[in-house]
Amino acid sequence: MNSLFSLVGWILGIVEWVLIIYIVMKIFVPQNRYTLVAGKYVEIVLAPIRKTLFRLFPKLASTKVDISPIALWLLIWLAQQLIWSLRRIP
């Protein structure tokens, strides 16, 4: 069971790095083909989070700031903390 938690934690770490790289690429080279390819996969996850945030906080829809990557990063962090806690249970 410990190896399963390690695998899931490892996968979440990779997803976290892909998200960070995507955000940086989106800021500095938004029309690069690698940014567009990464966006194809990251936006699948960001779109429902963005939709939920807009539903919960309607004024966010009118701003130019997209906080869905921050929300996704927080969800990944919470999942990693949960997995770390579960790994420590004997």
N, C-alpha and C. Protein backbone atom coordinates (compact mmCIF):
# COMPACT_ATOMS: atom_id res chain seq x y z
N MET A 1 0.82 -1.18 0.00
CA MET A 1 0.00 0.00 0.00
C MET A 1 0.87 1.26 0.00
N ASN A 2 2.00 1.17 0.67
CA ASN A 2 2.92 2.31 0.73
C ASN A 2 3.44 2.67 -0.66
N SER A 3 3.68 1.67 -1.49
CA SER A 3 4.17 1.94 -2.84
C SER A 3 3.09 2.61 -3.70
N LEU A 4 1.84 2.28 -3.45
CA LEU A 4 0.75 2.93 -4.18
C LEU A 4 0.69 4.42 -3.83
N PHE A 5 0.82 4.72 -2.54
CA PHE A 5 0.84 6.13 -2.14
C PHE A 5 2.05 6.84 -2.72
N SER A 6 3.18 6.17 -2.78
CA SER A 6 4.38 6.77 -3.37
C SER A 6 4.16 7.06 -4.85
N LEU A 7 3.54 6.14 -5.57
CA LEU A 7 3.27 6.32 -6.99
C LEU A 7 2.33 7.49 -7.22
N VAL A 8 1.26 7.57 -6.45
CA VAL A 8 0.31 8.67 -6.61
C VAL A 8 0.97 9.99 -6.26
N GLY A 9 1.78 10.02 -5.22
CA GLY A 9 2.51 11.23 -4.85
C GLY A 9 3.47 11.66 -5.95
N TRP A 10 4.14 10.68 -6.56
CA TRP A 10 5.07 10.96 -7.66
C TRP A 10 4.31 11.55 -8.85
N ILE A 11 3.17 10.99 -9.18
CA ILE A 11 2.37 11.48 -10.30
C ILE A 11 1.87 12.90 -10.01
N LEU A 12 1.44 13.15 -8.78
CA LEU A 12 1.00 14.50 -8.43
C LEU A 12 2.15 15.50 -8.52
N GLY A 13 3.35 15.07 -8.18
CA GLY A 13 4.53 15.94 -8.31
C GLY A 13 4.79 16.29 -9.76
N ILE A 14 4.64 15.33 -10.65
CA ILE A 14 4.83 15.58 -12.08
C ILE A 14 3.75 16.55 -12.58
N VAL A 15 2.52 16.33 -12.17
CA VAL A 15 1.42 17.22 -12.58
C VAL A 15 1.68 18.63 -12.08
N GLU A 16 2.19 18.74 -10.87
CA GLU A 16 2.51 20.06 -10.32
C GLU A 16 3.57 20.77 -11.16
N TRP A 17 4.62 20.06 -11.55
CA TRP A 17 5.67 20.66 -12.38
C TRP A 17 5.17 21.02 -13.77
N VAL A 18 4.32 20.17 -14.35
CA VAL A 18 3.75 20.49 -15.66
C VAL A 18 2.91 21.76 -15.57
N LEU A 19 2.16 21.90 -14.50
CA LEU A 19 1.35 23.11 -14.31
C LEU A 19 2.24 24.34 -14.20
N ILE A 20 3.30 24.26 -13.42
CA ILE A 20 4.20 25.40 -13.26
C ILE A 20 4.86 25.77 -14.58
N ILE A 21 5.35 24.78 -15.29
CA ILE A 21 5.98 25.03 -16.60
C ILE A 21 4.98 25.64 -17.57
N TYR A 22 3.75 25.13 -17.57
CA TYR A 22 2.72 25.66 -18.46
C TYR A 22 2.44 27.13 -18.15
N ILE A 23 2.34 27.47 -16.87
CA ILE A 23 2.05 28.85 -16.49
C ILE A 23 3.17 29.78 -16.96
N VAL A 24 4.41 29.37 -16.74
CA VAL A 24 5.55 30.20 -17.16
C VAL A 24 5.56 30.35 -18.68
N MET A 25 5.34 29.24 -19.39
CA MET A 25 5.32 29.31 -20.86
C MET A 25 4.16 30.17 -21.35
N LYS A 26 3.03 30.09 -20.68
CA LYS A 26 1.85 30.86 -21.08
C LYS A 26 2.11 32.37 -20.92
N ILE A 27 2.91 32.72 -19.92
CA ILE A 27 3.22 34.13 -19.70
C ILE A 27 4.22 34.65 -20.72
N PHE A 28 5.29 33.87 -20.96
CA PHE A 28 6.40 34.38 -21.77
C PHE A 28 6.32 34.03 -23.26
N VAL A 29 5.81 32.87 -23.61
CA VAL A 29 5.69 32.48 -25.03
C VAL A 29 4.31 31.86 -25.27
N PRO A 30 3.26 32.68 -25.26
CA PRO A 30 1.90 32.13 -25.31
C PRO A 30 1.53 31.43 -26.62
N GLN A 31 2.14 31.79 -27.73
CA GLN A 31 1.77 31.18 -29.00
C GLN A 31 2.77 30.13 -29.48
N ASN A 32 3.65 29.71 -28.62
CA ASN A 32 4.60 28.65 -28.95
C ASN A 32 3.85 27.32 -29.09
N ARG A 33 4.32 26.46 -29.98
CA ARG A 33 3.58 25.20 -30.19
C ARG A 33 3.64 24.30 -28.96
N TYR A 34 4.72 24.37 -28.17
CA TYR A 34 4.82 23.57 -26.96
C TYR A 34 3.84 24.07 -25.89
N THR A 35 3.66 25.37 -25.85
CA THR A 35 2.69 25.94 -24.92
C THR A 35 1.29 25.49 -25.31
N LEU A 36 1.00 25.48 -26.59
CA LEU A 36 -0.32 25.06 -27.05
C LEU A 36 -0.57 23.58 -26.78
N VAL A 37 0.46 22.76 -26.96
CA VAL A 37 0.31 21.32 -26.68
C VAL A 37 0.10 21.09 -25.19
N ALA A 38 0.90 21.75 -24.36
CA ALA A 38 0.73 21.61 -22.91
C ALA A 38 -0.63 22.13 -22.48
N GLY A 39 -1.06 23.22 -23.08
CA GLY A 39 -2.35 23.80 -22.76
C GLY A 39 -3.51 22.89 -23.07
N LYS A 40 -3.34 22.08 -24.11
CA LYS A 40 -4.39 21.14 -24.48
C LYS A 40 -4.68 20.18 -23.33
N TYR A 41 -3.66 19.80 -22.59
CA TYR A 41 -3.83 18.86 -21.49
C TYR A 41 -4.15 19.57 -20.17
N VAL A 42 -3.51 20.68 -19.93
CA VAL A 42 -3.72 21.39 -18.66
C VAL A 42 -5.11 22.03 -18.63
N GLU A 43 -5.55 22.55 -19.75
CA GLU A 43 -6.85 23.22 -19.79
C GLU A 43 -8.01 22.25 -19.55
N ILE A 44 -7.81 20.97 -19.79
CA ILE A 44 -8.85 19.98 -19.48
C ILE A 44 -9.15 20.00 -17.99
N VAL A 45 -8.13 20.21 -17.18
CA VAL A 45 -8.30 20.25 -15.73
C VAL A 45 -8.68 21.65 -15.26
N LEU A 46 -8.12 22.67 -15.88
CA LEU A 46 -8.37 24.04 -15.44
C LEU A 46 -9.79 24.51 -15.76
N ALA A 47 -10.37 24.06 -16.85
CA ALA A 47 -11.69 24.55 -17.27
C ALA A 47 -12.78 24.27 -16.21
N PRO A 48 -12.89 23.06 -15.66
CA PRO A 48 -13.92 22.85 -14.63
C PRO A 48 -13.64 23.65 -13.35
N ILE A 49 -12.36 23.82 -13.02
CA ILE A 49 -12.02 24.61 -11.83
C ILE A 49 -12.40 26.06 -12.06
N ARG A 50 -12.09 26.57 -13.23
CA ARG A 50 -12.44 27.96 -13.59
C ARG A 50 -13.96 28.16 -13.55
N LYS A 51 -14.69 27.19 -14.10
CA LYS A 51 -16.15 27.27 -14.13
C LYS A 51 -16.72 27.29 -12.71
N THR A 52 -16.17 26.46 -11.84
CA THR A 52 -16.61 26.41 -10.45
C THR A 52 -16.28 27.71 -9.73
N LEU A 53 -15.09 28.24 -9.95
CA LEU A 53 -14.71 29.51 -9.33
C LEU A 53 -15.62 30.65 -9.79
N PHE A 54 -15.94 30.67 -11.07
CA PHE A 54 -16.82 31.72 -11.59
C PHE A 54 -18.23 31.59 -11.02
N ARG A 55 -18.66 30.35 -10.77
CA ARG A 55 -19.98 30.15 -10.19
C ARG A 55 -19.99 30.57 -8.72
N LEU A 56 -18.93 30.26 -8.00
CA LEU A 56 -18.85 30.61 -6.58
C LEU A 56 -18.58 32.10 -6.37
N PHE A 57 -17.75 32.66 -7.24
CA PHE A 57 -17.36 34.07 -7.14
C PHE A 57 -17.62 34.75 -8.48
N PRO A 58 -18.85 35.20 -8.73
CA PRO A 58 -19.20 35.74 -10.05
C PRO A 58 -18.37 36.95 -10.50
N LYS A 59 -17.86 37.73 -9.57
CA LYS A 59 -17.08 38.91 -9.95
C LYS A 59 -15.73 38.53 -10.55
N LEU A 60 -15.27 37.31 -10.34
CA LEU A 60 -14.02 36.87 -10.95
C LEU A 60 -14.11 36.81 -12.47
N ALA A 61 -15.30 36.55 -12.97
CA ALA A 61 -15.48 36.44 -14.42
C ALA A 61 -15.20 37.76 -15.13
N SER A 62 -15.41 38.87 -14.43
CA SER A 62 -15.21 40.17 -15.06
C SER A 62 -13.77 40.67 -14.94
N THR A 63 -12.93 39.98 -14.18
CA THR A 63 -11.54 40.41 -14.03
C THR A 63 -10.66 39.76 -15.09
N LYS A 64 -9.48 40.29 -15.26
CA LYS A 64 -8.53 39.74 -16.24
C LYS A 64 -7.62 38.69 -15.61
N VAL A 65 -7.73 38.48 -14.31
CA VAL A 65 -6.84 37.57 -13.60
C VAL A 65 -7.50 36.19 -13.52
N ASP A 66 -6.76 35.19 -13.93
CA ASP A 66 -7.24 33.81 -13.87
C ASP A 66 -6.55 33.12 -12.70
N ILE A 67 -7.33 32.80 -11.66
CA ILE A 67 -6.73 32.16 -10.50
C ILE A 67 -6.94 30.65 -10.48
N SER A 68 -7.45 30.10 -11.56
CA SER A 68 -7.67 28.66 -11.60
C SER A 68 -6.36 27.86 -11.48
N PRO A 69 -5.22 28.31 -12.04
CA PRO A 69 -3.99 27.56 -11.79
C PRO A 69 -3.58 27.55 -10.32
N ILE A 70 -3.84 28.64 -9.62
CA ILE A 70 -3.54 28.68 -8.19
C ILE A 70 -4.44 27.70 -7.44
N ALA A 71 -5.72 27.67 -7.81
CA ALA A 71 -6.64 26.75 -7.17
C ALA A 71 -6.23 25.30 -7.45
N LEU A 72 -5.81 25.01 -8.69
CA LEU A 72 -5.36 23.65 -9.01
C LEU A 72 -4.10 23.30 -8.23
N TRP A 73 -3.17 24.25 -8.12
CA TRP A 73 -1.96 23.98 -7.36
C TRP A 73 -2.30 23.71 -5.89
N LEU A 74 -3.26 24.44 -5.33
CA LEU A 74 -3.68 24.19 -3.95
C LEU A 74 -4.32 22.82 -3.80
N LEU A 75 -5.11 22.42 -4.77
CA LEU A 75 -5.72 21.08 -4.72
C LEU A 75 -4.66 19.98 -4.80
N ILE A 76 -3.67 20.18 -5.65
CA ILE A 76 -2.57 19.21 -5.74
C ILE A 76 -1.82 19.15 -4.43
N TRP A 77 -1.55 20.31 -3.84
CA TRP A 77 -0.83 20.37 -2.58
C TRP A 77 -1.61 19.65 -1.47
N LEU A 78 -2.93 19.90 -1.42
CA LEU A 78 -3.77 19.22 -0.43
C LEU A 78 -3.75 17.71 -0.63
N ALA A 79 -3.83 17.27 -1.87
CA ALA A 79 -3.79 15.83 -2.15
C ALA A 79 -2.44 15.24 -1.73
N GLN A 80 -1.35 15.96 -1.99
CA GLN A 80 -0.03 15.47 -1.57
C GLN A 80 0.06 15.39 -0.05
N GLN A 81 -0.49 16.37 0.64
CA GLN A 81 -0.47 16.33 2.10
C GLN A 81 -1.30 15.17 2.64
N LEU A 82 -2.43 14.91 2.02
CA LEU A 82 -3.27 13.78 2.42
C LEU A 82 -2.55 12.46 2.20
N ILE A 83 -1.91 12.33 1.06
CA ILE A 83 -1.15 11.12 0.77
C ILE A 83 0.01 10.94 1.75
N TRP A 84 0.70 12.03 2.05
CA TRP A 84 1.79 11.96 3.02
C TRP A 84 1.27 11.51 4.39
N SER A 85 0.10 12.02 4.79
CA SER A 85 -0.49 11.62 6.07
C SER A 85 -0.90 10.15 6.05
N LEU A 86 -1.46 9.71 4.95
CA LEU A 86 -1.89 8.31 4.86
C LEU A 86 -0.70 7.36 4.83
N ARG A 87 0.41 7.78 4.27
CA ARG A 87 1.61 6.93 4.25
C ARG A 87 2.16 6.71 5.64
N ARG A 88 1.95 7.67 6.53
CA ARG A 88 2.51 7.57 7.87
C ARG A 88 1.66 6.71 8.80
N ILE A 89 0.45 6.37 8.40
CA ILE A 89 -0.41 5.51 9.22
C ILE A 89 0.12 4.09 9.14
N PRO A 90 0.36 3.47 10.31
CA PRO A 90 0.90 2.09 10.27
C PRO A 90 -0.11 1.06 9.83
